[in-house]
Protein backbone atom coordinates (compact mmCIF):
# COMPACT_ATOMS: atom_id res chain seq x y z
CA UNK A 1 -1.88 41.43 -13.80
CA UNK A 2 -4.99 39.21 -13.52
CA UNK A 3 -3.02 36.36 -11.95
CA UNK A 4 -1.34 38.55 -9.38
CA UNK A 5 -4.65 40.12 -8.55
CA UNK A 6 -6.51 36.84 -8.18
CA UNK A 7 -3.80 35.44 -5.92
CA UNK A 8 -4.22 38.46 -3.69
CA UNK A 9 -7.99 38.13 -3.79
CA UNK A 10 -7.92 34.57 -2.49
CA UNK A 11 -5.66 35.61 0.37
CA UNK A 12 -7.70 38.71 1.22
CA UNK A 13 -11.22 37.50 0.44
CA UNK A 14 -12.54 38.06 3.97
CA UNK A 15 -11.50 41.71 3.73
CA UNK A 16 -12.76 42.50 0.20
CA UNK A 17 -16.02 44.35 -0.20
CA UNK A 18 -17.93 42.37 -2.84
CA UNK A 19 -20.28 43.87 -5.34
CA UNK A 20 -23.72 42.46 -4.49
CA UNK A 21 -24.75 42.77 -8.16
CA UNK A 22 -23.11 39.42 -9.11
CA UNK A 23 -22.95 36.13 -7.22
CA UNK A 24 -21.52 32.67 -7.97
CA UNK A 25 -23.36 29.39 -7.46
CA UNK A 26 -21.18 26.30 -7.89
CA UNK A 27 -22.48 22.83 -8.76
CA UNK A 28 -20.51 20.67 -6.35
CA UNK A 29 -19.34 17.34 -7.82
CA UNK A 30 -20.20 14.26 -5.73
CA UNK A 31 -17.38 12.38 -3.93
CA UNK A 32 -15.54 10.05 -6.29
CA UNK A 33 -13.80 10.67 -9.58
CA UNK A 34 -13.81 14.35 -10.53
CA UNK A 35 -12.94 15.66 -13.98
CA UNK A 36 -11.34 19.05 -14.27
CA UNK A 37 -14.09 20.06 -16.67
CA UNK A 38 -16.60 19.62 -13.80
CA UNK A 39 -14.97 22.51 -11.95
CA UNK A 40 -16.55 24.85 -14.48
CA UNK A 41 -20.14 23.76 -13.82
CA UNK A 42 -21.48 26.89 -12.15
CA UNK A 43 -23.93 29.75 -12.47
CA UNK A 44 -23.39 33.49 -12.48
CA UNK A 45 -26.33 35.53 -11.20
CA UNK A 46 -26.48 39.16 -12.31
CA UNK A 47 -29.05 41.03 -10.26
CA UNK A 48 -28.32 44.35 -11.95
CA UNK A 49 -29.80 45.79 -15.11
CA UNK A 50 -26.57 46.11 -17.10
CA UNK A 51 -24.66 43.45 -19.01
CA UNK A 52 -21.16 43.04 -17.60
CA UNK A 53 -18.00 41.30 -18.79
CA UNK A 54 -16.64 38.82 -16.27
CA UNK A 55 -13.52 36.64 -15.97
CA UNK A 56 -13.60 33.64 -13.63
CA UNK A 57 -10.58 32.52 -11.60
CA UNK A 58 -10.20 29.20 -9.78
CA UNK A 59 -7.64 28.17 -7.18
CA UNK A 60 -7.40 24.60 -5.84
CA UNK A 61 -5.84 24.17 -2.39
CA UNK A 62 -4.90 20.96 -0.57
CA UNK A 63 -6.98 20.85 2.60
CA UNK A 64 -4.29 18.96 4.50
CA UNK A 65 -1.53 21.56 4.24
CA UNK A 66 -3.33 24.56 2.66
CA UNK A 67 -0.88 24.58 -0.25
CA UNK A 68 -2.10 25.83 -3.66
CA UNK A 69 -2.04 23.16 -6.34
CA UNK A 70 -3.58 24.72 -9.42
CA UNK A 71 -4.86 28.09 -10.64
CA UNK A 72 -7.00 28.67 -13.70
CA UNK A 73 -8.42 31.74 -15.48
CA UNK A 74 -11.18 31.80 -18.03
CA UNK A 75 -11.63 34.10 -20.98
CA UNK A 76 -13.89 37.11 -20.51
CA UNK A 77 -17.61 36.39 -20.96
CA UNK A 78 -20.70 38.60 -21.01
CA UNK A 79 -23.32 38.18 -18.29
CA UNK A 80 -26.71 39.79 -18.83
CA UNK A 81 -29.30 40.31 -16.14
CA UNK A 82 -30.52 37.06 -14.65
CA UNK A 83 -28.90 33.65 -14.32
CA UNK A 84 -26.20 32.48 -16.72
CA UNK A 85 -25.37 28.77 -16.66
CA UNK A 86 -21.67 28.16 -17.27
CA UNK A 87 -20.02 25.10 -18.76
CA UNK A 88 -16.41 24.67 -19.81
CA UNK A 89 -17.21 25.46 -23.45
CA UNK A 90 -18.54 28.86 -22.38
CA UNK A 91 -15.28 29.93 -20.74
CA UNK A 92 -12.65 28.28 -22.95
CA UNK A 93 -9.83 28.76 -23.67
CA UNK A 94 -8.69 28.48 -20.06
CA UNK A 95 -5.24 29.39 -18.81
CA UNK A 96 -4.10 26.71 -16.31
CA UNK A 97 -1.07 27.02 -14.05
CA UNK A 98 0.01 23.74 -12.42
CA UNK A 99 1.69 24.54 -9.11
CA UNK A 100 1.93 20.86 -8.05
CA UNK A 101 3.40 18.02 -10.10
CA UNK A 102 0.31 15.95 -9.27
CA UNK A 103 -1.77 18.38 -11.32
CA UNK A 104 0.29 18.18 -14.48
CA UNK A 105 -1.12 18.33 -17.98
CA UNK A 106 -0.67 14.60 -18.54
CA UNK A 107 -3.42 13.99 -15.99
CA UNK A 108 -5.61 16.77 -17.31
CA UNK A 109 -8.76 14.65 -17.49
CA UNK A 110 -9.09 13.92 -13.76
CA UNK A 111 -8.10 15.42 -10.44
CA UNK A 112 -5.71 13.26 -8.38
CA UNK A 113 -7.04 11.49 -5.30
CA UNK A 114 -7.29 13.84 -2.32
CA UNK A 115 -9.35 16.39 -0.39
CA UNK A 116 -9.38 19.92 -1.77
CA UNK A 117 -10.85 23.37 -1.31
CA UNK A 118 -11.78 25.05 -4.59
CA UNK A 119 -12.21 28.82 -4.50
CA UNK A 120 -13.88 30.85 -7.26
CA UNK A 121 -13.66 34.55 -7.99
CA UNK A 122 -15.49 36.57 -10.62
CA UNK A 123 -13.94 39.89 -11.52
CA UNK A 124 -14.21 42.58 -14.15
CA UNK A 125 -12.25 45.61 -15.33
CA UNK A 126 -14.02 48.92 -15.26
CA UNK A 127 -12.00 51.94 -16.38
CA UNK A 128 -8.75 50.03 -15.90
CA UNK A 129 -9.74 49.11 -12.34
CA UNK A 130 -9.91 45.43 -11.42
CA UNK A 131 -12.97 44.77 -9.31
CA UNK A 132 -13.88 41.53 -7.53
CA UNK A 133 -17.58 40.96 -8.12
CA UNK A 134 -18.15 37.67 -6.27
CA UNK A 135 -16.43 34.73 -4.62
CA UNK A 136 -17.33 31.28 -3.40
CA UNK A 137 -15.46 28.23 -2.05
CA UNK A 138 -16.42 24.57 -1.99
CA UNK A 139 -14.78 21.38 -0.71
CA UNK A 140 -14.40 18.34 -2.93
CA UNK A 141 -13.23 14.80 -2.23
CA UNK A 142 -11.66 12.73 -4.99
CA UNK A 143 -11.83 8.98 -4.38
CA UNK A 144 -10.86 5.96 -6.50
CA UNK A 145 -13.63 3.86 -7.97
CA UNK A 146 -12.37 0.77 -6.15
CA UNK A 147 -10.04 0.46 -3.13
CA UNK A 148 -7.17 -2.04 -2.92
CA UNK A 149 -8.36 -5.65 -3.05
CA UNK A 150 -6.66 -8.25 -0.83
CA UNK A 151 -5.66 -11.51 -2.52
CA UNK A 152 -3.26 -13.51 -0.30
CA UNK A 153 -3.50 -14.91 2.32
CA UNK A 154 -7.17 -15.56 1.67
CA UNK A 155 -9.66 -14.48 4.28
CA UNK A 156 -9.76 -16.87 7.28
CA UNK A 157 -6.88 -18.90 5.80
CA UNK A 158 -4.89 -21.39 7.88
CA UNK A 159 -1.18 -21.15 7.07
CA UNK A 160 1.69 -23.41 8.00
CA UNK A 161 4.33 -20.83 7.11
CA UNK A 162 4.86 -18.44 10.07
CA UNK A 163 6.44 -15.94 7.65
CA UNK A 164 3.56 -15.34 5.21
CA UNK A 165 3.57 -13.39 1.98
CA UNK A 166 0.92 -10.71 1.48
CA UNK A 167 -0.40 -9.60 -1.89
CA UNK A 168 -3.20 -7.36 -3.15
CA UNK A 169 -4.61 -5.61 -6.21
CA UNK A 170 -4.16 -1.84 -6.65
CA UNK A 171 -6.99 0.69 -6.45
CA UNK A 172 -8.55 1.81 -9.69
CA UNK A 173 -8.13 3.77 -11.80
CA UNK A 174 -4.39 4.18 -11.39
CA UNK A 175 -4.43 7.43 -13.38
CA UNK A 176 -5.86 9.20 -10.31
CA UNK A 177 -2.58 8.73 -8.42
CA UNK A 178 0.55 10.82 -8.83
CA UNK A 179 2.48 8.97 -6.07
CA UNK A 180 0.70 5.70 -5.27
CA UNK A 181 2.15 3.80 -2.31
CA UNK A 182 0.86 1.38 0.29
CA UNK A 183 0.90 0.78 4.02
CA UNK A 184 0.52 -2.81 5.27
CA UNK A 185 -0.88 -3.37 8.78
CA UNK A 186 -0.82 -6.74 10.58
CA UNK A 187 -2.12 -7.11 14.12
CA UNK A 188 -3.23 -9.84 16.50
CA UNK A 189 -6.96 -10.32 17.06
CA UNK A 190 -7.93 -10.99 20.67
CA UNK A 191 -10.75 -13.38 21.46
CA UNK A 192 -13.04 -10.50 22.47
CA UNK A 193 -12.44 -8.49 19.28
CA UNK A 194 -13.61 -8.37 15.72
CA UNK A 195 -11.00 -8.11 12.99
CA UNK A 196 -12.00 -4.51 12.25
CA UNK A 197 -11.71 -3.53 15.91
CA UNK A 198 -8.28 -5.18 16.17
CA UNK A 199 -6.93 -3.18 13.21
CA UNK A 200 -8.26 0.05 14.71
CA UNK A 201 -7.32 -0.51 18.36
CA UNK A 202 -4.28 -2.78 18.61
CA UNK A 203 -0.64 -1.87 18.09
CA UNK A 204 0.49 -3.50 14.82
CA UNK A 205 2.96 -6.35 15.12
CA UNK A 206 4.04 -5.52 11.57
CA UNK A 207 3.66 -2.17 9.80
CA UNK A 208 5.33 -1.70 6.42
CA UNK A 209 5.15 1.81 4.90
CA UNK A 210 5.80 3.42 1.52
CA UNK A 211 5.50 0.12 -0.35
CA UNK A 212 5.66 0.54 -4.12
CA UNK A 213 4.72 -3.02 -5.09
CA UNK A 214 1.58 -5.08 -4.53
CA UNK A 215 3.32 -7.81 -2.52
CA UNK A 216 5.32 -7.93 0.69
CA UNK A 217 6.87 -10.71 2.78
CA UNK A 218 6.73 -10.85 6.54
CA UNK A 219 10.47 -10.48 7.35
CA UNK A 220 12.30 -13.75 8.09
CA UNK A 221 14.52 -11.78 10.50
CA UNK A 222 11.51 -11.03 12.72
CA UNK A 223 9.97 -13.28 15.39
CA UNK A 224 7.79 -15.86 13.67
CA UNK A 225 4.03 -15.54 14.00
CA UNK A 226 2.53 -17.75 16.70
CA UNK A 227 0.43 -20.82 16.06
CA UNK A 228 -3.12 -20.81 17.35
CA UNK A 229 -3.49 -17.01 17.14
CA UNK A 230 -5.68 -15.09 14.73
CA UNK A 231 -4.15 -12.17 12.82
CA UNK A 232 -5.86 -9.36 10.91
CA UNK A 233 -4.37 -7.41 8.02
CA UNK A 234 -5.28 -4.43 5.86
CA UNK A 235 -3.78 -2.40 3.01
CA UNK A 236 -4.01 1.41 2.97
CA UNK A 237 -3.42 3.14 -0.37
CA UNK A 238 -1.93 6.62 -0.28
CA UNK A 239 -1.25 9.34 -2.78
CA UNK A 240 2.06 10.64 -1.49
CA UNK A 241 1.46 11.00 2.24
CA UNK A 242 -2.29 11.52 1.87
CA UNK A 243 -4.81 8.79 2.56
CA UNK A 244 -6.61 7.61 -0.58
CA UNK A 245 -8.45 4.33 0.13
CA UNK A 246 -8.23 1.21 2.23
CA UNK A 247 -9.03 -2.45 1.74
CA UNK A 248 -11.32 -4.68 3.74
CA UNK A 249 -9.85 -6.41 6.79
CA UNK A 250 -9.01 -10.09 6.35
CA UNK A 251 -7.80 -12.61 8.90
CA UNK A 252 -5.56 -15.65 8.95
CA UNK A 253 -4.05 -18.01 11.49
CA UNK A 254 -0.83 -19.99 11.73
CA UNK A 255 -1.27 -23.71 12.30
CA UNK A 256 1.34 -26.25 13.29
CA UNK A 257 3.17 -27.81 10.41
CA UNK A 258 1.68 -31.13 9.52
CA UNK A 259 3.97 -33.88 10.66
CA UNK A 260 4.54 -36.45 7.96
CA UNK A 261 4.32 -39.90 9.39
CA UNK A 262 7.72 -40.75 8.01
CA UNK A 263 10.09 -43.30 9.38
CA UNK A 264 13.56 -43.91 7.98
CA UNK A 265 14.34 -47.41 6.76
CA UNK A 266 15.16 -49.80 9.62
CA UNK A 267 14.49 -46.83 11.93
CA UNK A 268 18.07 -45.71 11.31
CA UNK A 269 19.00 -42.10 12.01
CA UNK A 270 22.25 -40.49 10.85
CA UNK A 271 23.81 -38.47 13.66
CA UNK A 272 24.97 -34.91 13.08
CA UNK A 273 28.37 -34.19 14.57
CA UNK A 274 30.43 -31.08 15.20
CA UNK A 275 33.19 -29.83 12.90
CA UNK A 276 34.83 -33.13 11.97
CA UNK A 277 36.35 -33.65 8.52
CA UNK A 278 36.35 -37.44 8.98
CA UNK A 279 32.62 -38.01 9.08
CA UNK A 280 31.33 -41.14 7.37
CA UNK A 281 28.63 -41.11 4.73
CA UNK A 282 25.32 -42.70 5.61
CA UNK A 283 23.59 -44.67 2.86
CA UNK A 284 19.81 -44.61 2.75
CA UNK A 285 17.89 -47.12 0.60
CA UNK A 286 15.07 -44.76 -0.32
CA UNK A 287 14.28 -41.03 -0.21
CA UNK A 288 13.49 -40.88 3.52
CA UNK A 289 16.33 -39.34 5.52
CA UNK A 290 16.40 -39.61 9.31
CA UNK A 291 18.67 -37.29 11.30
CA UNK A 292 19.59 -37.35 15.01
CA UNK A 293 20.84 -34.10 16.47
CA UNK A 294 21.56 -33.30 20.14
CA UNK A 295 21.10 -29.63 21.02
CA UNK A 296 22.50 -27.93 24.12
CA UNK A 297 20.54 -24.75 23.32
CA UNK A 298 17.11 -23.71 24.44
CA UNK A 299 14.26 -24.30 22.01
CA UNK A 300 14.65 -22.18 18.91
CA UNK A 301 13.97 -22.15 15.20
CA UNK A 302 16.91 -22.81 12.92
CA UNK A 303 17.67 -23.16 9.24
CA UNK A 304 18.73 -26.65 8.11
CA UNK A 305 20.87 -26.61 4.97
CA UNK A 306 21.38 -29.35 2.39
CA UNK A 307 24.56 -28.97 0.31
CA UNK A 308 26.05 -30.82 -2.64
CA UNK A 309 29.67 -31.93 -2.92
CA UNK A 310 30.69 -28.49 -4.24
CA UNK A 311 29.28 -26.77 -1.15
CA UNK A 312 26.31 -25.32 -3.08
CA UNK A 313 22.97 -25.07 -1.32
CA UNK A 314 20.43 -27.57 -2.65
CA UNK A 315 17.65 -26.88 -0.15
CA UNK A 316 16.93 -25.00 3.07
CA UNK A 317 14.27 -25.95 5.60
CA UNK A 318 13.28 -24.16 8.82
CA UNK A 319 12.68 -26.42 11.83
CA UNK A 320 12.10 -26.00 15.54
CA UNK A 321 14.98 -27.46 17.58
CA UNK A 322 14.47 -28.44 21.23
CA UNK A 323 17.00 -28.94 23.98
CA UNK A 324 18.26 -32.53 23.98
CA UNK A 325 17.80 -35.18 21.29
CA UNK A 326 16.01 -34.17 18.12
CA UNK A 327 14.94 -36.82 15.62
CA UNK A 328 14.21 -35.17 12.27
CA UNK A 329 12.83 -36.90 9.20
CA UNK A 330 12.88 -35.49 5.65
CA UNK A 331 11.43 -36.71 2.38
CA UNK A 332 14.02 -35.98 -0.31
CA UNK A 333 12.52 -34.68 -3.52
CA UNK A 334 13.83 -34.71 -7.10
CA UNK A 335 16.44 -32.08 -6.18
CA UNK A 336 18.50 -34.99 -4.85
CA UNK A 337 20.06 -37.53 -7.22
CA UNK A 338 20.83 -41.11 -6.35
CA UNK A 339 24.40 -42.27 -5.82
CA UNK A 340 25.42 -38.66 -5.12
CA UNK A 341 26.87 -37.50 -1.81
CA UNK A 342 25.16 -34.63 -0.01
CA UNK A 343 25.70 -32.88 3.31
CA UNK A 344 23.19 -31.71 5.88
CA UNK A 345 24.14 -28.92 8.31
CA UNK A 346 22.72 -27.33 11.44
CA UNK A 347 24.38 -24.29 13.04
CA UNK A 348 23.79 -23.95 16.79
CA UNK A 349 23.44 -20.70 18.71
CA UNK A 350 27.19 -20.65 19.32
CA UNK A 351 27.70 -20.73 15.51
CA UNK A 352 29.14 -24.26 15.65
CA UNK A 353 28.27 -26.24 12.53
CA UNK A 354 27.00 -29.80 12.96
CA UNK A 355 26.93 -31.90 9.81
CA UNK A 356 26.51 -35.33 8.33
CA UNK A 357 26.81 -36.71 4.81
CA UNK A 358 24.47 -39.10 3.05
CA UNK A 359 23.56 -40.55 -0.31
CA UNK A 360 20.62 -42.43 -1.71
CA UNK A 361 21.38 -45.89 -3.10
CA UNK A 362 19.71 -47.30 -6.21
């Protein structure tokens, strides 16, 4: 009957006539990590002359959606005239009811990250009549000790890869989260902006949500990031759909790929041709491969594939291809063996494959 009554009390508190003899003063925990035991740090003030028996009820409500998350009821305690300081030992054993999975018994030591309203009611039974003696509500904010920490790309880094990988460290402690997930924001920084202002004001060029890992790649299917521009990024940690913490804002820029000053032996370039099964194999005396490729397409980025004799991919390299003649030079690493025939392929925008074969001599 107590539980039903207390539930009704919290719904009807503005309409209940409270007995002025007893009042509740709650010691509000500071923002940060909050233990469930701290909820029971309060005082009962009995302004009457008689000692009364009181039971304390607590209901925790999510401020965002006003949904109840937990209810708790203490044992009956005696309150004499004056002020009675209450700690958890004074009211144990306590009957907890966990309405939300985030407030389960496995996480009994701490409240999950979030913003809550905690409502208290003190009531007694006199001649089989339940009477609400006092009520009070407070707001509490549970925050992690440390927010997510960005790791890669490093702050103010210059990257050659226009499809960067992002990584970070999780907030701590992890036990405060029942459904930890991340949102990754990447936006361009204009010349008249700070990184923080860009994250707040600009439309993100990349926004990944509900990430469950601490790393994410900028999608290779998206338009590559531009050279010469500055980009800002931030990680937001959430508990379910609720904001929990956010990282600092870091920046990076994309620089042009360093051009190796490579020249093929005798300045000889092997020409890529269209689908032709009778192509000849070019022999190169070292590990420097020069390729000539004529493109009829507008400038675009393409994937150049190196294959072995069985048609298996040995290596893939992204390159910008311009309209007209393209002279491409590659340094072949230890993935390529000497006296072995390999193929190099470029697929144009009409899906025509252009290829050549080569091998390194001893």
